[in-house]
Protein backbone atom coordinates (compact mmCIF):
# COMPACT_ATOMS: atom_id res chain seq x y z
CA UNK A 1 0.00 0.00 0.00
CA UNK A 2 2.80 2.41 0.86
CA UNK A 3 4.62 1.73 -2.42
CA UNK A 4 1.51 2.38 -4.48
CA UNK A 5 0.68 5.60 -2.61
CA UNK A 6 4.16 7.10 -2.76
CA UNK A 7 5.51 5.73 -6.04
CA UNK A 8 3.56 7.88 -8.48
CA UNK A 9 0.19 9.30 -9.45
CA UNK A 10 -2.93 7.48 -8.31
CA UNK A 11 -6.62 8.34 -8.03
CA UNK A 12 -8.01 5.12 -6.54
CA UNK A 13 -6.14 2.38 -4.69
CA UNK A 14 -7.83 -1.02 -4.70
CA UNK A 15 -7.18 -4.11 -2.63
CA UNK A 16 -8.43 -7.67 -3.22
CA UNK A 17 -8.37 -9.75 -0.03
CA UNK A 18 -10.90 -12.52 -0.69
CA UNK A 19 -9.62 -15.72 -2.22
CA UNK A 20 -11.99 -18.68 -1.97
CA UNK A 21 -9.91 -20.14 0.86
CA UNK A 22 -10.00 -16.80 2.70
CA UNK A 23 -13.77 -16.99 3.06
CA UNK A 24 -13.41 -20.29 4.92
CA UNK A 25 -10.75 -18.80 7.21
CA UNK A 26 -12.93 -15.75 7.92
CA UNK A 27 -15.88 -18.05 8.61
CA UNK A 28 -13.90 -19.85 11.28
CA UNK A 29 -12.81 -16.48 12.73
CA UNK A 30 -16.45 -15.44 12.99
CA UNK A 31 -17.32 -18.65 14.85
CA UNK A 32 -14.79 -17.68 17.52
CA UNK A 33 -15.92 -14.04 17.68
CA UNK A 34 -19.06 -12.72 15.88
CA UNK A 35 -17.43 -9.26 15.71
CA UNK A 36 -14.74 -10.60 13.36
CA UNK A 37 -15.01 -12.01 9.84
CA UNK A 38 -12.97 -9.33 8.05
CA UNK A 39 -9.32 -9.14 6.92
CA UNK A 40 -7.45 -7.68 9.89
CA UNK A 41 -4.32 -7.12 7.81
CA UNK A 42 -6.15 -4.30 6.02
CA UNK A 43 -6.32 -2.31 9.26
CA UNK A 44 -2.60 -2.75 9.88
CA UNK A 45 -1.83 -1.46 6.39
CA UNK A 46 -4.27 1.42 6.78
CA UNK A 47 -2.85 2.53 10.11
CA UNK A 48 0.48 3.24 8.44
CA UNK A 49 -0.86 4.69 5.20
CA UNK A 50 -4.19 6.44 5.81
CA UNK A 51 -2.49 9.82 6.24
CA UNK A 52 -0.58 9.49 2.98
CA UNK A 53 -3.77 8.56 1.10
CA UNK A 54 -5.61 11.54 2.57
CA UNK A 55 -2.78 13.96 1.70
CA UNK A 56 -2.68 12.77 -1.91
CA UNK A 57 -6.45 12.64 -2.37
CA UNK A 58 -6.42 8.92 -3.12
CA UNK A 59 -9.65 6.99 -2.55
CA UNK A 60 -9.27 3.47 -1.13
CA UNK A 61 -11.58 0.65 -2.22
CA UNK A 62 -11.10 -2.86 -0.78
CA UNK A 63 -13.14 -6.01 -0.31
CA UNK A 64 -11.43 -6.65 3.02
CA UNK A 65 -14.85 -6.54 4.75
CA UNK A 66 -15.27 -10.22 3.98
CA UNK A 67 -18.18 -11.53 6.02
CA UNK A 68 -18.59 -8.39 8.13
CA UNK A 69 -18.06 -5.19 6.11
CA UNK A 70 -20.07 -3.07 8.57
CA UNK A 71 -17.76 -4.05 11.42
CA UNK A 72 -14.70 -3.26 9.34
CA UNK A 73 -16.13 0.16 8.41
CA UNK A 74 -16.58 0.90 12.13
CA UNK A 75 -13.02 -0.29 12.82
CA UNK A 76 -11.70 2.03 10.08
CA UNK A 77 -13.52 4.98 11.68
CA UNK A 78 -12.03 4.14 15.07
CA UNK A 79 -8.57 3.85 13.51
CA UNK A 80 -8.96 7.18 11.68
CA UNK A 81 -9.92 8.91 14.92
CA UNK A 82 -7.00 7.32 16.75
CA UNK A 83 -4.40 8.39 14.17
CA UNK A 84 -5.99 11.80 13.67
CA UNK A 85 -6.85 11.50 9.98
CA UNK A 86 -10.44 12.56 9.22
CA UNK A 87 -11.92 10.36 6.48
CA UNK A 88 -15.40 9.50 5.26
CA UNK A 89 -16.01 5.77 5.39
CA UNK A 90 -18.71 3.79 3.57
CA UNK A 91 -19.37 0.12 3.01
CA UNK A 92 -21.26 -2.26 0.73
CA UNK A 93 -23.33 -5.15 2.00
CA UNK A 94 -26.05 -7.54 0.89
CA UNK A 95 -23.87 -10.35 -0.39
CA UNK A 96 -24.61 -12.64 2.59
CA UNK A 97 -27.03 -15.45 1.76
CA UNK A 98 -29.01 -17.73 4.09
CA UNK A 99 -26.72 -20.52 5.26
CA UNK A 100 -27.65 -23.97 3.90
CA UNK A 101 -27.42 -26.78 6.42
CA UNK A 102 -23.80 -27.50 7.26
CA UNK A 103 -22.45 -24.39 5.51
CA UNK A 104 -19.96 -22.08 7.19
CA UNK A 105 -20.34 -19.18 4.73
CA UNK A 106 -22.62 -18.38 1.77
CA UNK A 107 -22.12 -15.22 -0.26
CA UNK A 108 -23.17 -13.88 -3.65
CA UNK A 109 -20.64 -12.07 -5.84
CA UNK A 110 -21.84 -8.47 -6.17
CA UNK A 111 -20.86 -5.97 -8.85
CA UNK A 112 -19.43 -2.46 -8.68
CA UNK A 113 -22.70 -0.50 -8.38
CA UNK A 114 -22.55 -0.16 -4.60
CA UNK A 115 -18.94 1.00 -4.71
CA UNK A 116 -19.87 3.69 -7.26
CA UNK A 117 -22.72 4.90 -5.01
CA UNK A 118 -20.36 5.21 -2.04
CA UNK A 119 -17.80 7.15 -4.05
CA UNK A 120 -20.49 9.46 -5.46
CA UNK A 121 -21.47 10.24 -1.85
CA UNK A 122 -17.91 11.40 -1.13
CA UNK A 123 -16.44 8.34 0.60
CA UNK A 124 -12.66 8.35 1.05
CA UNK A 125 -12.58 4.67 2.06
CA UNK A 126 -15.01 2.04 0.78
CA UNK A 127 -14.96 -1.50 2.17
CA UNK A 128 -17.07 -4.31 0.81
CA UNK A 129 -17.92 -7.91 1.42
CA UNK A 130 -17.90 -10.48 -1.37
CA UNK A 131 -17.83 -8.59 -4.64
CA UNK A 132 -16.22 -9.83 -7.82
CA UNK A 133 -12.51 -9.06 -8.02
CA UNK A 134 -13.15 -6.86 -11.07
CA UNK A 135 -15.88 -4.86 -9.25
CA UNK A 136 -13.10 -3.09 -7.35
CA UNK A 137 -12.27 -1.45 -10.69
CA UNK A 138 -15.66 -1.26 -12.44
CA UNK A 139 -17.16 0.62 -9.47
CA UNK A 140 -14.54 3.39 -9.37
CA UNK A 141 -14.48 3.65 -13.19
CA UNK A 142 -18.29 3.99 -13.40
CA UNK A 143 -18.16 6.68 -10.70
CA UNK A 144 -15.29 8.60 -12.30
CA UNK A 145 -16.72 8.69 -15.83
CA UNK A 146 -20.42 8.62 -14.97
CA UNK A 147 -21.07 5.43 -16.91
CA UNK A 148 -24.60 4.08 -16.92
CA UNK A 149 -25.38 0.42 -16.18
CA UNK A 150 -25.95 -0.41 -19.85
CA UNK A 151 -22.69 0.98 -21.23
CA UNK A 152 -21.55 -2.59 -21.66
CA UNK A 153 -18.42 -2.08 -23.77
CA UNK A 154 -17.01 0.49 -21.34
CA UNK A 155 -17.85 -1.66 -18.33
CA UNK A 156 -16.37 -4.72 -20.02
CA UNK A 157 -13.13 -2.84 -20.61
CA UNK A 158 -12.98 -2.02 -16.90
CA UNK A 159 -13.68 -5.68 -16.05
CA UNK A 160 -10.69 -6.74 -18.12
CA UNK A 161 -8.50 -4.10 -16.46
CA UNK A 162 -9.73 -5.28 -13.07
CA UNK A 163 -8.92 -8.89 -13.91
CA UNK A 164 -5.39 -7.88 -14.85
CA UNK A 165 -4.91 -5.94 -11.60
CA UNK A 166 -6.56 -8.33 -9.18
CA UNK A 167 -3.53 -10.57 -8.52
CA UNK A 168 -1.02 -7.78 -8.06
CA UNK A 169 2.48 -8.60 -9.27
CA UNK A 170 1.28 -11.45 -11.48
CA UNK A 171 0.72 -8.73 -14.11
CA UNK A 172 4.25 -7.32 -13.75
CA UNK A 173 6.28 -10.48 -14.06
CA UNK A 174 5.38 -12.45 -10.93
CA UNK A 175 4.84 -16.19 -11.56
CA UNK A 176 5.71 -15.53 -15.22
CA UNK A 177 6.65 -18.41 -17.53
CA UNK A 178 9.47 -16.47 -19.23
CA UNK A 179 10.94 -14.97 -16.06
CA UNK A 180 14.49 -15.79 -17.18
CA UNK A 181 14.15 -13.44 -20.15
CA UNK A 182 13.68 -10.37 -17.96
CA UNK A 183 15.95 -7.51 -19.05
CA UNK A 184 17.13 -4.70 -16.85
CA UNK A 185 14.40 -2.10 -16.24
CA UNK A 186 14.08 0.35 -19.10
CA UNK A 187 15.96 3.64 -18.73
CA UNK A 188 13.03 5.31 -20.50
CA UNK A 189 10.94 6.51 -17.62
CA UNK A 190 7.94 8.71 -17.06
CA UNK A 191 8.61 12.06 -15.46
CA UNK A 192 8.01 11.59 -11.70
CA UNK A 193 4.86 13.24 -10.36
CA UNK A 194 6.94 15.57 -8.20
CA UNK A 195 8.96 16.88 -11.19
CA UNK A 196 6.90 18.25 -14.09
CA UNK A 197 9.57 20.64 -15.34
CA UNK A 198 10.34 18.47 -18.35
CA UNK A 199 13.75 17.43 -17.05
CA UNK A 200 14.03 13.82 -15.91
CA UNK A 201 15.43 13.58 -12.41
CA UNK A 202 18.14 10.96 -11.90
CA UNK A 203 18.43 9.22 -8.56
CA UNK A 204 21.45 7.35 -7.23
CA UNK A 205 19.51 4.14 -7.85
CA UNK A 206 19.14 5.12 -11.54
CA UNK A 207 22.87 5.79 -11.88
CA UNK A 208 23.72 2.52 -10.11
CA UNK A 209 21.50 0.66 -12.59
CA UNK A 210 23.41 2.23 -15.50
CA UNK A 211 26.81 1.20 -14.09
CA UNK A 212 25.72 -2.29 -13.00
CA UNK A 213 23.02 -3.51 -15.43
CA UNK A 214 23.24 -7.10 -14.16
CA UNK A 215 22.51 -5.95 -10.62
CA UNK A 216 19.54 -3.96 -11.93
CA UNK A 217 18.27 -7.00 -13.82
CA UNK A 218 18.39 -9.16 -10.69
CA UNK A 219 16.65 -6.53 -8.57
CA UNK A 220 13.91 -6.18 -11.18
CA UNK A 221 13.38 -9.92 -11.24
CA UNK A 222 13.47 -10.42 -7.47
CA UNK A 223 10.91 -7.79 -6.56
CA UNK A 224 8.29 -6.94 -9.20
CA UNK A 225 6.32 -3.76 -8.61
CA UNK A 226 2.53 -3.70 -8.52
CA UNK A 227 0.45 -2.87 -11.61
CA UNK A 228 -1.84 0.06 -12.19
CA UNK A 229 -4.42 0.80 -14.88
CA UNK A 230 -4.90 4.16 -16.57
CA UNK A 231 -8.56 3.82 -17.51
CA UNK A 232 -10.03 5.95 -20.28
CA UNK A 233 -13.55 7.19 -20.83
CA UNK A 234 -14.21 4.67 -23.62
CA UNK A 235 -13.30 1.72 -21.34
CA UNK A 236 -9.88 1.11 -22.85
CA UNK A 237 -6.94 1.19 -20.46
CA UNK A 238 -3.18 1.14 -20.25
CA UNK A 239 -1.60 -1.32 -17.85
CA UNK A 240 1.63 0.03 -16.41
CA UNK A 241 3.45 0.39 -13.09
CA UNK A 242 5.09 3.14 -11.09
CA UNK A 243 8.44 4.41 -12.46
CA UNK A 244 11.50 2.61 -11.14
CA UNK A 245 9.71 -0.41 -9.69
CA UNK A 246 10.86 -3.92 -10.52
CA UNK A 247 9.44 -6.46 -12.91
CA UNK A 248 8.03 -5.45 -16.26
CA UNK A 249 4.76 -4.91 -18.10
CA UNK A 250 4.52 -6.23 -21.64
CA UNK A 251 1.97 -8.05 -23.76
CA UNK A 252 3.24 -11.36 -22.40
CA UNK A 253 2.79 -10.55 -18.71
CA UNK A 254 -0.66 -9.07 -19.39
CA UNK A 255 -1.70 -12.06 -21.52
CA UNK A 256 -0.64 -14.43 -18.76
CA UNK A 257 -2.83 -12.68 -16.21
CA UNK A 258 -5.77 -12.41 -18.62
CA UNK A 259 -5.73 -16.21 -18.93
CA UNK A 260 -5.52 -16.79 -15.17
CA UNK A 261 -8.55 -18.51 -13.62
CA UNK A 262 -10.79 -17.91 -16.62
CA UNK A 263 -13.02 -20.24 -18.60
CA UNK A 264 -15.12 -19.57 -21.71
CA UNK A 265 -14.58 -16.37 -23.71
CA UNK A 266 -17.84 -15.03 -22.27
CA UNK A 267 -16.50 -13.85 -18.89
CA UNK A 268 -19.68 -13.35 -16.90
CA UNK A 269 -20.09 -10.90 -14.04
CA UNK A 270 -22.89 -9.07 -12.22
CA UNK A 271 -22.25 -5.79 -14.11
CA UNK A 272 -21.53 -7.09 -17.60
CA UNK A 273 -20.40 -10.14 -19.54
CA UNK A 274 -17.00 -9.29 -21.00
CA UNK A 275 -15.99 -10.95 -24.26
CA UNK A 276 -12.40 -12.07 -23.73
CA UNK A 277 -12.20 -13.08 -27.38
CA UNK A 278 -12.40 -9.38 -28.33
CA UNK A 279 -9.51 -8.17 -26.16
CA UNK A 280 -6.62 -6.60 -28.06
CA UNK A 281 -3.23 -5.86 -26.53
CA UNK A 282 -0.80 -3.31 -27.97
CA UNK A 283 2.57 -2.26 -26.62
CA UNK A 284 2.43 1.52 -26.13
CA UNK A 285 5.97 1.96 -24.85
CA UNK A 286 8.26 0.68 -22.10
CA UNK A 287 6.12 -0.97 -19.42
CA UNK A 288 2.89 0.20 -21.08
CA UNK A 289 0.31 -2.12 -22.65
CA UNK A 290 -2.93 -0.80 -24.15
CA UNK A 291 -6.06 -2.93 -23.69
CA UNK A 292 -8.67 -2.05 -26.29
CA UNK A 293 -11.51 -3.41 -28.38
CA UNK A 294 -13.28 -5.13 -25.49
CA UNK A 295 -16.93 -5.84 -26.21
CA UNK A 296 -19.52 -6.28 -23.50
CA UNK A 297 -22.94 -7.89 -23.27
CA UNK A 298 -25.76 -7.71 -20.74
CA UNK A 299 -24.98 -9.68 -17.58
CA UNK A 300 -26.66 -13.04 -16.92
CA UNK A 301 -29.84 -13.14 -14.80
CA UNK A 302 -28.04 -15.07 -12.06
CA UNK A 303 -25.25 -14.21 -9.66
CA UNK A 304 -22.46 -16.57 -8.80
CA UNK A 305 -22.38 -17.56 -5.13
CA UNK A 306 -19.69 -19.24 -3.10
CA UNK A 307 -20.35 -21.53 -0.16
CA UNK A 308 -17.85 -23.05 2.24
CA UNK A 309 -18.26 -25.83 4.76
CA UNK A 310 -16.14 -28.16 6.81
CA UNK A 311 -15.78 -31.21 4.58
CA UNK A 312 -14.36 -33.63 7.11
CA UNK A 313 -11.04 -34.51 8.69
CA UNK A 314 -7.67 -35.27 7.13
CA UNK A 315 -4.25 -36.48 8.18
CA UNK A 316 -0.97 -36.79 6.37
CA UNK A 317 2.31 -38.66 6.77
CA UNK A 318 5.32 -38.23 4.48
CA UNK A 319 7.78 -41.14 4.56
CA UNK A 320 11.36 -40.46 3.46
CA UNK A 321 12.95 -43.19 1.34
CA UNK A 322 16.72 -42.91 0.86
CA UNK A 323 19.25 -44.51 -1.45
CA UNK A 324 18.72 -47.79 -3.27
CA UNK A 325 15.53 -49.78 -3.97
CA UNK A 326 13.17 -46.81 -3.64
CA UNK A 327 10.23 -48.55 -5.31
CA UNK A 328 10.63 -51.68 -3.15
CA UNK A 329 10.86 -49.61 0.04
CA UNK A 330 7.69 -47.74 -0.92
CA UNK A 331 5.88 -51.00 -1.61
CA UNK A 332 6.91 -52.45 1.76
CA UNK A 333 5.76 -49.53 3.92
CA UNK A 334 2.58 -49.17 1.92
CA UNK A 335 1.70 -52.83 2.49
CA UNK A 336 2.46 -52.48 6.22
CA UNK A 337 0.29 -49.39 6.65
CA UNK A 338 -2.55 -50.90 4.60
CA UNK A 339 -2.45 -53.98 6.88
CA UNK A 340 -2.72 -51.72 9.93
CA UNK A 341 -5.66 -49.82 8.41
CA UNK A 342 -7.45 -53.06 7.52
CA UNK A 343 -7.07 -54.28 11.10
CA UNK A 344 -8.45 -51.05 12.57
CA UNK A 345 -12.08 -50.73 13.63
CA UNK A 346 -12.82 -48.34 10.77
CA UNK A 347 -10.71 -47.65 7.70
CA UNK A 348 -10.60 -43.99 6.54
CA UNK A 349 -13.07 -43.26 3.77
CA UNK A 350 -10.28 -42.04 1.46
CA UNK A 351 -6.68 -43.26 1.40
CA UNK A 352 -4.28 -41.76 -1.13
CA UNK A 353 -0.63 -42.60 -1.77
CA UNK A 354 1.80 -40.64 -3.96
CA UNK A 355 5.51 -41.39 -4.52
CA UNK A 356 7.57 -38.35 -5.54
CA UNK A 357 10.92 -39.44 -7.00
CA UNK A 358 13.01 -36.53 -5.84
CA UNK A 359 16.06 -38.80 -5.43
CA UNK A 360 19.15 -38.81 -7.67
CA UNK A 361 21.62 -41.65 -8.22
CA UNK A 362 25.05 -41.36 -6.57
CA UNK A 363 23.86 -38.18 -4.81
CA UNK A 364 26.33 -35.91 -3.02
CA UNK A 365 23.91 -35.09 -0.15
CA UNK A 366 21.49 -37.31 1.75
CA UNK A 367 18.55 -35.09 0.89
CA UNK A 368 19.25 -35.40 -2.85
CA UNK A 369 19.42 -39.18 -2.36
CA UNK A 370 15.89 -39.28 -0.92
CA UNK A 371 12.38 -39.69 -2.32
CA UNK A 372 9.06 -38.81 -0.61
CA UNK A 373 6.11 -41.17 -0.17
CA UNK A 374 3.03 -39.17 0.81
CA UNK A 375 0.02 -40.71 2.54
CA UNK A 376 -3.15 -38.61 2.83
CA UNK A 377 -6.33 -39.89 4.50
CA UNK A 378 -9.77 -38.28 4.83
CA UNK A 379 -12.95 -39.19 6.67
CA UNK A 380 -16.06 -37.45 8.09
CA UNK A 381 -15.12 -38.86 11.54
CA UNK A 382 -11.96 -37.44 13.15
CA UNK A 383 -11.38 -40.75 14.98
CA UNK A 384 -10.79 -42.51 11.66
CA UNK A 385 -7.87 -40.27 10.66
CA UNK A 386 -6.27 -39.75 14.07
CA UNK A 387 -4.66 -42.40 16.20
CA UNK A 388 -5.10 -45.17 13.64
CA UNK A 389 -2.74 -43.30 11.29
CA UNK A 390 -0.27 -41.97 13.83
CA UNK A 391 -0.02 -45.35 15.56
CA UNK A 392 0.60 -47.18 12.31
CA UNK A 393 3.40 -44.79 11.34
CA UNK A 394 5.06 -44.74 14.77
CA UNK A 395 4.89 -48.51 15.33
CA UNK A 396 6.64 -49.13 12.01
CA UNK A 397 9.62 -46.96 12.94
CA UNK A 398 11.74 -49.99 13.93
CA UNK A 399 10.06 -52.59 11.74
CA UNK A 400 9.98 -51.34 8.17
CA UNK A 401 12.36 -50.35 5.37
CA UNK A 402 16.02 -49.48 6.07
CA UNK A 403 16.51 -45.82 6.90
CA UNK A 404 12.89 -45.33 8.02
CA UNK A 405 11.97 -41.79 8.99
CA UNK A 406 9.22 -39.27 8.31
CA UNK A 407 9.29 -35.51 7.63
CA UNK A 408 7.29 -34.72 10.79
CA UNK A 409 5.61 -36.68 13.59
CA UNK A 410 2.05 -37.62 12.59
CA UNK A 411 -0.65 -35.67 14.41
CA UNK A 412 -4.27 -36.11 15.38
CA UNK A 413 -5.66 -34.90 12.06
CA UNK A 414 -7.29 -31.59 11.22
CA UNK A 415 -10.54 -30.39 9.67
CA UNK A 416 -10.53 -29.45 6.00
CA UNK A 417 -12.84 -27.14 4.13
CA UNK A 418 -14.79 -27.37 0.91
CA UNK A 419 -15.71 -24.56 -1.49
CA UNK A 420 -18.80 -24.96 -3.67
CA UNK A 421 -19.98 -22.62 -6.42
CA UNK A 422 -23.68 -22.10 -7.00
CA UNK A 423 -25.91 -19.61 -8.81
CA UNK A 424 -28.79 -17.58 -7.40
CA UNK A 425 -31.34 -15.38 -9.10
CA UNK A 426 -30.21 -11.75 -8.94
CA UNK A 427 -33.67 -10.77 -7.69
CA UNK A 428 -33.01 -12.68 -4.45
CA UNK A 429 -30.04 -10.50 -3.48
CA UNK A 430 -30.28 -7.02 -1.93
CA UNK A 431 -27.21 -5.03 -2.97
CA UNK A 432 -26.92 -2.09 -0.54
CA UNK A 433 -24.51 0.85 -0.31
CA UNK A 434 -24.22 2.27 3.22
CA UNK A 435 -23.04 5.85 2.68
CA UNK A 436 -20.72 7.86 4.97
CA UNK A 437 -23.71 9.53 6.66
CA UNK A 438 -25.37 6.15 7.31
CA UNK A 439 -27.96 6.41 4.54
CA UNK A 440 -28.73 3.05 2.98
CA UNK A 441 -29.10 3.07 -0.81
CA UNK A 442 -30.39 0.01 -2.60
CA UNK A 443 -28.48 -0.67 -5.82
CA UNK A 444 -30.93 -1.49 -8.63
CA UNK A 445 -30.70 -4.81 -10.42
CA UNK A 446 -29.76 -4.86 -14.12
CA UNK A 447 -32.69 -3.78 -16.28
CA UNK A 448 -31.59 -6.15 -19.03
CA UNK A 449 -29.99 -9.57 -18.75
CA UNK A 450 -28.76 -12.14 -21.23
CA UNK A 451 -28.42 -15.86 -20.59
CA UNK A 452 -24.94 -17.22 -21.20
CA UNK A 453 -24.47 -19.25 -24.36
CA UNK A 454 -21.28 -21.00 -25.45
CA UNK A 455 -19.48 -19.46 -28.39
CA UNK A 456 -18.11 -22.75 -29.66
CA UNK A 457 -14.79 -23.16 -31.46
CA UNK A 458 -13.43 -19.95 -32.99
CA UNK A 459 -13.99 -19.88 -36.75
CA UNK A 460 -11.24 -19.30 -39.26
CA UNK A 461 -8.18 -20.68 -37.50
CA UNK A 462 -4.97 -19.71 -39.31
CA UNK A 463 -3.47 -22.16 -41.80
CA UNK A 464 -1.39 -24.85 -40.13
CA UNK A 465 2.39 -24.36 -40.00
CA UNK A 466 4.23 -27.28 -41.60
CA UNK A 467 7.86 -28.35 -41.95
CA UNK A 468 10.51 -30.42 -40.12
CA UNK A 469 9.94 -30.80 -36.38
CA UNK A 470 12.00 -31.54 -33.32
CA UNK A 471 10.77 -33.11 -30.07
CA UNK A 472 11.40 -30.59 -27.28
CA UNK A 473 9.51 -29.20 -24.26
CA UNK A 474 6.39 -27.18 -25.12
CA UNK A 475 7.75 -24.37 -22.95
CA UNK A 476 10.49 -23.67 -25.47
CA UNK A 477 7.92 -21.73 -27.51
CA UNK A 478 4.80 -21.33 -25.30
CA UNK A 479 3.96 -19.68 -22.01
CA UNK A 480 1.28 -20.93 -19.63
CA UNK A 481 -0.62 -19.77 -16.57
CA UNK A 482 -2.88 -22.01 -14.50
CA UNK A 483 -5.14 -21.71 -11.48
CA UNK A 484 -8.23 -22.96 -9.68
CA UNK A 485 -11.94 -22.30 -9.51
CA UNK A 486 -13.34 -24.52 -6.79
CA UNK A 487 -12.66 -28.11 -7.85
CA UNK A 488 -11.86 -27.16 -11.46
CA UNK A 489 -8.57 -26.00 -12.94
CA UNK A 490 -7.70 -23.95 -15.99
CA UNK A 491 -4.53 -23.83 -18.06
CA UNK A 492 -4.09 -20.93 -20.47
CA UNK A 493 -1.36 -21.37 -23.10
CA UNK A 494 -0.12 -18.58 -25.36
CA UNK A 495 2.64 -17.95 -27.91
CA UNK A 496 4.38 -14.69 -28.84
CA UNK A 497 4.25 -14.78 -32.66
CA UNK A 498 1.78 -15.36 -35.49
CA UNK A 499 3.80 -18.29 -36.85
CA UNK A 500 3.79 -19.96 -33.45
CA UNK A 501 0.03 -19.40 -33.27
CA UNK A 502 -0.39 -21.16 -36.63
CA UNK A 503 1.22 -24.19 -34.99
CA UNK A 504 -0.33 -24.01 -31.50
CA UNK A 505 -3.93 -23.55 -32.64
CA UNK A 506 -3.82 -26.88 -34.48
CA UNK A 507 -1.33 -28.86 -32.39
CA UNK A 508 -2.62 -28.38 -28.84
CA UNK A 509 -6.02 -30.05 -29.03
CA UNK A 510 -7.98 -31.54 -26.14
CA UNK A 511 -6.71 -35.01 -27.03
CA UNK A 512 -3.10 -33.83 -27.10
CA UNK A 513 -3.61 -31.97 -23.82
CA UNK A 514 -4.86 -35.18 -22.19
CA UNK A 515 -1.86 -37.10 -23.57
CA UNK A 516 0.56 -34.57 -22.16
CA UNK A 517 -1.18 -34.41 -18.75
CA UNK A 518 -2.31 -38.00 -18.03
CA UNK A 519 -4.00 -36.93 -14.76
CA UNK A 520 -6.65 -35.26 -16.92
CA UNK A 521 -7.25 -38.25 -19.21
CA UNK A 522 -10.56 -39.30 -17.65
CA UNK A 523 -11.86 -35.85 -16.71
CA UNK A 524 -14.02 -33.44 -18.76
CA UNK A 525 -11.70 -31.03 -20.59
CA UNK A 526 -12.90 -28.07 -22.67
CA UNK A 527 -10.75 -25.94 -24.98
CA UNK A 528 -11.49 -22.28 -25.63
CA UNK A 529 -9.69 -20.40 -28.42
CA UNK A 530 -8.66 -16.73 -28.10
CA UNK A 531 -7.06 -15.76 -31.43
CA UNK A 532 -6.47 -12.10 -30.50
CA UNK A 533 -4.26 -13.26 -27.64
CA UNK A 534 -2.75 -16.16 -29.65
CA UNK A 535 -3.95 -18.37 -26.84
CA UNK A 536 -5.93 -21.48 -26.00
CA UNK A 537 -7.50 -21.96 -22.60
CA UNK A 538 -8.27 -25.42 -21.20
CA UNK A 539 -10.75 -25.98 -18.36
CA UNK A 540 -10.37 -29.29 -16.50
CA UNK A 541 -13.39 -30.21 -14.38
CA UNK A 542 -12.92 -32.00 -11.07
CA UNK A 543 -9.12 -32.15 -11.06
CA UNK A 544 -8.90 -30.46 -7.64
CA UNK A 545 -11.57 -32.57 -5.93
CA UNK A 546 -13.45 -30.38 -3.47
CA UNK A 547 -11.20 -27.35 -3.90
CA UNK A 548 -8.10 -25.82 -2.38
CA UNK A 549 -9.07 -26.22 1.27
CA UNK A 550 -9.51 -29.99 0.87
CA UNK A 551 -5.88 -30.29 -0.31
CA UNK A 552 -6.61 -33.28 -2.49
CA UNK A 553 -3.49 -32.79 -4.65
CA UNK A 554 0.16 -32.01 -4.02
CA UNK A 555 -0.60 -28.68 -5.80
CA UNK A 556 -4.11 -27.99 -4.46
CA UNK A 557 -4.68 -24.79 -6.48
CA UNK A 558 -3.19 -26.04 -9.78
CA UNK A 559 -0.68 -23.17 -9.70
CA UNK A 560 2.02 -25.29 -11.36
CA UNK A 561 -0.20 -27.28 -13.72
CA UNK A 562 0.80 -24.99 -16.58
CA UNK A 563 4.48 -25.42 -15.80
CA UNK A 564 4.06 -29.21 -15.86
CA UNK A 565 2.45 -28.86 -19.29
CA UNK A 566 5.33 -26.65 -20.52
CA UNK A 567 7.85 -29.27 -19.42
CA UNK A 568 6.24 -31.99 -21.53
CA UNK A 569 7.87 -32.87 -24.85
CA UNK A 570 6.02 -32.36 -28.12
CA UNK A 571 6.96 -32.15 -31.82
CA UNK A 572 7.56 -28.46 -32.62
CA UNK A 573 8.44 -27.04 -36.08
CA UNK A 574 12.14 -26.31 -36.26
CA UNK A 575 11.46 -22.86 -37.72
CA UNK A 576 10.01 -21.85 -34.34
CA UNK A 577 13.09 -23.05 -32.48
């Protein structure tokens, strides 16, 4: 927050605090204390930075209210009084839904209308509950430009900008497939806000970067800055970052974030359905990418809702297997534990084994000579994942494979959560803006809606690229970004040139995707084509079981699924290599 406030010009500072897993955590907080249920870290950030925001006239909009935005708004007022910074605070509520039996939280995803109302009423700080990530940008943009609710193209442009911003440094080189290609930060810089004389000021850090470009390159790669969007009245925007911050903004980093956690080209939201297949990216200069051409459609008649609940109990033991005969050692301990589970009063409902061959032959350290055998068990009854597992592991310590040890002593087991997505009729949700003076304003529902329909395969794919090929990793020519939506995962794959697109569009089919990632072979997989981005986006249903909180996979949020895909070998035309 401090970097964004002091690093350059800013009108509105947004903050996204509500991942799906966060809602479960906040739900458990609220069980302990009904006054909680919001992101407490927001208050710690605000205590240090509220004065700077007030001095610079920067409005702050954050969804840190979580399950209790009214309580957070009160806490912000108390903080402002304590630090002596007078601010007008408003909040948005109405996302809470009646709790189904067994649910811990249930919330609809609201749009940006309530945020816009609060800003129109003069709020300096707006906190919300569960709104869409993009609503943190569509609300301020609609307020700033006076957009009406049916200016779909403009709103869709703001949705796309919001999607790029929502994960912070992921748009400026964080988690980026081609991170090793990062150059030193450009010496072409915007004139700092404090110096409008036309002469570029030069700091000692600038001069050091010129003398030691390699040091500058490493600093830029180690600590990417955060992105910002310069939004225009027509809904187009430029993604950039404050001068002198690390990382970079180019069409590749923006493409990667556009593909993150998306599905079909019709990207539905409560304000508008944005057509991702219409997005065009253009490099405008160093660390500046123009987003234009975004088309919007009326939003669907339903709102997405997220529900969390405690799914059951889990336990985990990781056995370390060292040296020779790794497979045989794994087989022995697995048979021994399975015997113990079969002899117990009740076997866990789910038992999962996974052997990770992290060992190397003739290794020069013991750790590099070792592999990991992971046992994960789940059951609705905590008794079935507790002592029966810990006892089996401990009692084998002197009676199993040579070199027996585990990464940590087995425990009693712990509860795990489940996230479920559902859809509710928008008419069932009361979207309310609570203004700085306490007035409650009901945000009207969309006057027009449009049911979502699949677009199907993009017509007119480019002619296929032919010629001699070589079998190499896909990542030699393609980037990827992957993520989770509940129990589903997506993998977006893009290439940087038209020739590479001629190859990718035809080569990376659903069947080939399943061949390259055998874990997906028996799951529903859908491919979506985005020619403007030279990208294909795959959605894999059910790969993540019951979602991140259930930790059903080694990588429970599919963050590295794209990197696994890039490491797989495929026949690539030599001309691209």
